[in-house]
Amino acid sequence: MIMERLMGLCAVVPATLLLTVSFFVLVVIQRIEKAGLKAFGYVVAALLWLGVALVGSLGIYTLATGRPPMMCMMRAKMCEMMVSGMMGVKEGMMKPGPMEKMPAAQK
């Protein structure tokens, strides 16, 4: 449980890398004279900051709850797949793949 909570601290590494890249983007923008490239640079920097906000918020969520968000989604998907496997696939729900279409001698 403690280790899962501490996984939220790992969000510091990608956040730091993204902020470093955005700093260099902003430094390069100051040297560019074309307005179009400056606008593009500001958009790139804003997207990098948005990425930092997303990574940081997921790290804080993991620290607070002890449950990584992606792991929760994977568990939900696995449970869904297990339930559908137990119930069996109803006729017509899934199309047969290329292996099911082949005659038995060719398999």
C-alpha atoms as a PDB file:
ATOM      1  CA  MET A   1       0.000   0.000   0.000  1.00  0.00           C
ATOM      2  CA  ILE A   2       2.825   2.395   0.854  1.00  0.00           C
ATOM      3  CA  MET A   3       4.672   1.617  -2.387  1.00  0.00           C
ATOM      4  CA  GLU A   4       1.552   2.314  -4.463  1.00  0.00           C
ATOM      5  CA  ARG A   5       1.211   5.713  -2.809  1.00  0.00           C
ATOM      6  CA  LEU A   6       4.866   6.511  -3.407  1.00  0.00           C
ATOM      7  CA  MET A   7       4.413   5.798  -7.114  1.00  0.00           C
ATOM      8  CA  GLY A   8       2.815   9.249  -7.246  1.00  0.00           C
ATOM      9  CA  LEU A   9       6.229  10.756  -6.551  1.00  0.00           C
ATOM     10  CA  CYS A  10       7.440   9.287  -9.845  1.00  0.00           C
ATOM     11  CA  ALA A  11       5.343  11.954 -11.564  1.00  0.00           C
ATOM     12  CA  VAL A  12       8.035  14.469 -10.631  1.00  0.00           C
ATOM     13  CA  VAL A  13      10.444  13.096 -13.256  1.00  0.00           C
ATOM     14  CA  PRO A  14       8.268  13.528 -16.392  1.00  0.00           C
ATOM     15  CA  ALA A  15       6.936  16.839 -15.066  1.00  0.00           C
ATOM     16  CA  THR A  16      10.491  18.137 -14.658  1.00  0.00           C
ATOM     17  CA  LEU A  17      11.444  16.981 -18.140  1.00  0.00           C
ATOM     18  CA  LEU A  18       8.405  18.660 -19.696  1.00  0.00           C
ATOM     19  CA  LEU A  19       9.096  21.914 -17.852  1.00  0.00           C
ATOM     20  CA  THR A  20      12.721  21.836 -18.984  1.00  0.00           C
ATOM     21  CA  VAL A  21      11.702  21.376 -22.609  1.00  0.00           C
ATOM     22  CA  SER A  22       9.151  24.190 -22.322  1.00  0.00           C
ATOM     23  CA  PHE A  23      11.857  26.469 -20.877  1.00  0.00           C
ATOM     24  CA  PHE A  24      14.100  25.853 -23.875  1.00  0.00           C
ATOM     25  CA  VAL A  25      11.170  26.385 -26.238  1.00  0.00           C
ATOM     26  CA  LEU A  26      10.543  29.762 -24.613  1.00  0.00           C
ATOM     27  CA  VAL A  27      14.250  30.663 -24.802  1.00  0.00           C
ATOM     28  CA  VAL A  28      14.298  29.871 -28.523  1.00  0.00           C
ATOM     29  CA  ILE A  29      11.112  31.895 -29.049  1.00  0.00           C
ATOM     30  CA  GLN A  30      12.871  35.003 -27.728  1.00  0.00           C
ATOM     31  CA  ARG A  31      15.485  34.733 -30.500  1.00  0.00           C
ATOM     32  CA  ILE A  32      13.025  34.151 -33.345  1.00  0.00           C
ATOM     33  CA  GLU A  33      11.843  37.196 -35.290  1.00  0.00           C
ATOM     34  CA  LYS A  34       9.001  35.649 -37.317  1.00  0.00           C
ATOM     35  CA  ALA A  35       5.586  36.120 -35.728  1.00  0.00           C
ATOM     36  CA  GLY A  36       4.234  32.799 -37.002  1.00  0.00           C
ATOM     37  CA  LEU A  37       6.993  30.781 -35.400  1.00  0.00           C
ATOM     38  CA  LYS A  38       6.639  32.726 -32.165  1.00  0.00           C
ATOM     39  CA  ALA A  39       2.925  31.916 -32.022  1.00  0.00           C
ATOM     40  CA  PHE A  40       3.675  28.251 -32.727  1.00  0.00           C
ATOM     41  CA  GLY A  41       6.289  28.232 -29.965  1.00  0.00           C
ATOM     42  CA  TYR A  42       3.834  29.672 -27.475  1.00  0.00           C
ATOM     43  CA  VAL A  43       1.284  26.991 -28.433  1.00  0.00           C
ATOM     44  CA  VAL A  44       3.914  24.264 -27.956  1.00  0.00           C
ATOM     45  CA  ALA A  45       4.899  25.705 -24.566  1.00  0.00           C
ATOM     46  CA  ALA A  46       1.242  25.866 -23.504  1.00  0.00           C
ATOM     47  CA  LEU A  47       0.703  22.236 -24.519  1.00  0.00           C
ATOM     48  CA  LEU A  48       3.780  21.217 -22.550  1.00  0.00           C
ATOM     49  CA  TRP A  49       2.445  23.034 -19.486  1.00  0.00           C
ATOM     50  CA  LEU A  50      -0.898  21.284 -19.967  1.00  0.00           C
ATOM     51  CA  GLY A  51       0.975  17.975 -19.998  1.00  0.00           C
ATOM     52  CA  VAL A  52       2.747  18.950 -16.776  1.00  0.00           C
ATOM     53  CA  ALA A  53      -0.605  19.767 -15.173  1.00  0.00           C
ATOM     54  CA  LEU A  54      -2.016  16.391 -16.240  1.00  0.00           C
ATOM     55  CA  VAL A  55       0.996  14.401 -15.041  1.00  0.00           C
ATOM     56  CA  GLY A  56       1.099  16.367 -11.789  1.00  0.00           C
ATOM     57  CA  SER A  57      -2.596  15.903 -11.077  1.00  0.00           C
ATOM     58  CA  LEU A  58      -2.350  12.149 -11.695  1.00  0.00           C
ATOM     59  CA  GLY A  59       0.652  12.011  -9.358  1.00  0.00           C
ATOM     60  CA  ILE A  60      -1.246  13.863  -6.645  1.00  0.00           C
ATOM     61  CA  TYR A  61      -4.239  11.552  -7.154  1.00  0.00           C
ATOM     62  CA  THR A  62      -1.982   8.515  -6.740  1.00  0.00           C
ATOM     63  CA  LEU A  63      -0.391   9.966  -3.601  1.00  0.00           C
ATOM     64  CA  ALA A  64      -3.777  10.780  -2.075  1.00  0.00           C
ATOM     65  CA  THR A  65      -5.637   7.563  -2.869  1.00  0.00           C
ATOM     66  CA  GLY A  66      -2.887   4.985  -3.262  1.00  0.00           C
ATOM     67  CA  ARG A  67      -4.542   3.715  -6.451  1.00  0.00           C
ATOM     68  CA  PRO A  68      -2.888   4.512  -9.772  1.00  0.00           C
ATOM     69  CA  PRO A  69      -5.635   5.613 -12.217  1.00  0.00           C
ATOM     70  CA  MET A  70      -4.467   3.382 -15.072  1.00  0.00           C
ATOM     71  CA  MET A  71      -4.428   0.323 -12.827  1.00  0.00           C
ATOM     72  CA  CYS A  72      -8.043   0.956 -11.827  1.00  0.00           C
ATOM     73  CA  MET A  73      -9.058   1.181 -15.482  1.00  0.00           C
ATOM     74  CA  MET A  74      -7.180  -2.016 -16.342  1.00  0.00           C
ATOM     75  CA  ARG A  75      -8.834  -3.917 -13.495  1.00  0.00           C
ATOM     76  CA  ALA A  76     -12.280  -2.753 -14.640  1.00  0.00           C
ATOM     77  CA  LYS A  77     -11.546  -3.847 -18.208  1.00  0.00           C
ATOM     78  CA  MET A  78     -10.233  -7.235 -17.063  1.00  0.00           C
ATOM     79  CA  CYS A  79     -13.337  -7.835 -14.937  1.00  0.00           C
ATOM     80  CA  GLU A  80     -15.504  -6.945 -17.911  1.00  0.00           C
ATOM     81  CA  MET A  81     -13.597  -9.393 -20.115  1.00  0.00           C
ATOM     82  CA  MET A  82     -13.832 -12.158 -17.511  1.00  0.00           C
ATOM     83  CA  VAL A  83     -17.586 -11.695 -17.116  1.00  0.00           C
ATOM     84  CA  SER A  84     -18.147 -11.790 -20.869  1.00  0.00           C
ATOM     85  CA  GLY A  85     -15.948 -14.912 -21.075  1.00  0.00           C
ATOM     86  CA  MET A  86     -17.954 -16.661 -18.362  1.00  0.00           C
ATOM     87  CA  MET A  87     -21.259 -15.846 -20.000  1.00  0.00           C
ATOM     88  CA  GLY A  88     -20.049 -17.010 -23.367  1.00  0.00           C
ATOM     89  CA  VAL A  89     -20.270 -15.105 -26.582  1.00  0.00           C
ATOM     90  CA  LYS A  90     -23.781 -15.014 -27.987  1.00  0.00           C
ATOM     91  CA  GLU A  91     -24.363 -15.919 -31.616  1.00  0.00           C
ATOM     92  CA  GLY A  92     -23.816 -12.993 -33.963  1.00  0.00           C
ATOM     93  CA  MET A  93     -22.066 -10.754 -31.435  1.00  0.00           C
ATOM     94  CA  MET A  94     -18.594 -11.359 -32.809  1.00  0.00           C
ATOM     95  CA  LYS A  95     -17.525 -12.001 -36.356  1.00  0.00           C
ATOM     96  CA  PRO A  96     -15.410 -15.095 -36.915  1.00  0.00           C
ATOM     97  CA  GLY A  97     -11.740 -14.375 -37.471  1.00  0.00           C
ATOM     98  CA  PRO A  98      -9.671 -15.718 -40.358  1.00  0.00           C
ATOM     99  CA  MET A  99      -8.675 -18.832 -38.388  1.00  0.00           C
ATOM    100  CA  GLU A 100     -12.297 -19.796 -37.759  1.00  0.00           C
ATOM    101  CA  LYS A 101     -13.137 -19.469 -41.467  1.00  0.00           C
ATOM    102  CA  MET A 102     -10.396 -21.915 -42.516  1.00  0.00           C
ATOM    103  CA  PRO A 103     -11.230 -25.579 -43.023  1.00  0.00           C
ATOM    104  CA  ALA A 104     -10.046 -27.936 -40.299  1.00  0.00           C
ATOM    105  CA  ALA A 105      -7.339 -29.475 -42.494  1.00  0.00           C
ATOM    106  CA  GLN A 106      -5.517 -26.142 -42.992  1.00  0.00           C
ATOM    107  CA  LYS A 107      -5.393 -25.177 -39.303  1.00  0.00           C
END
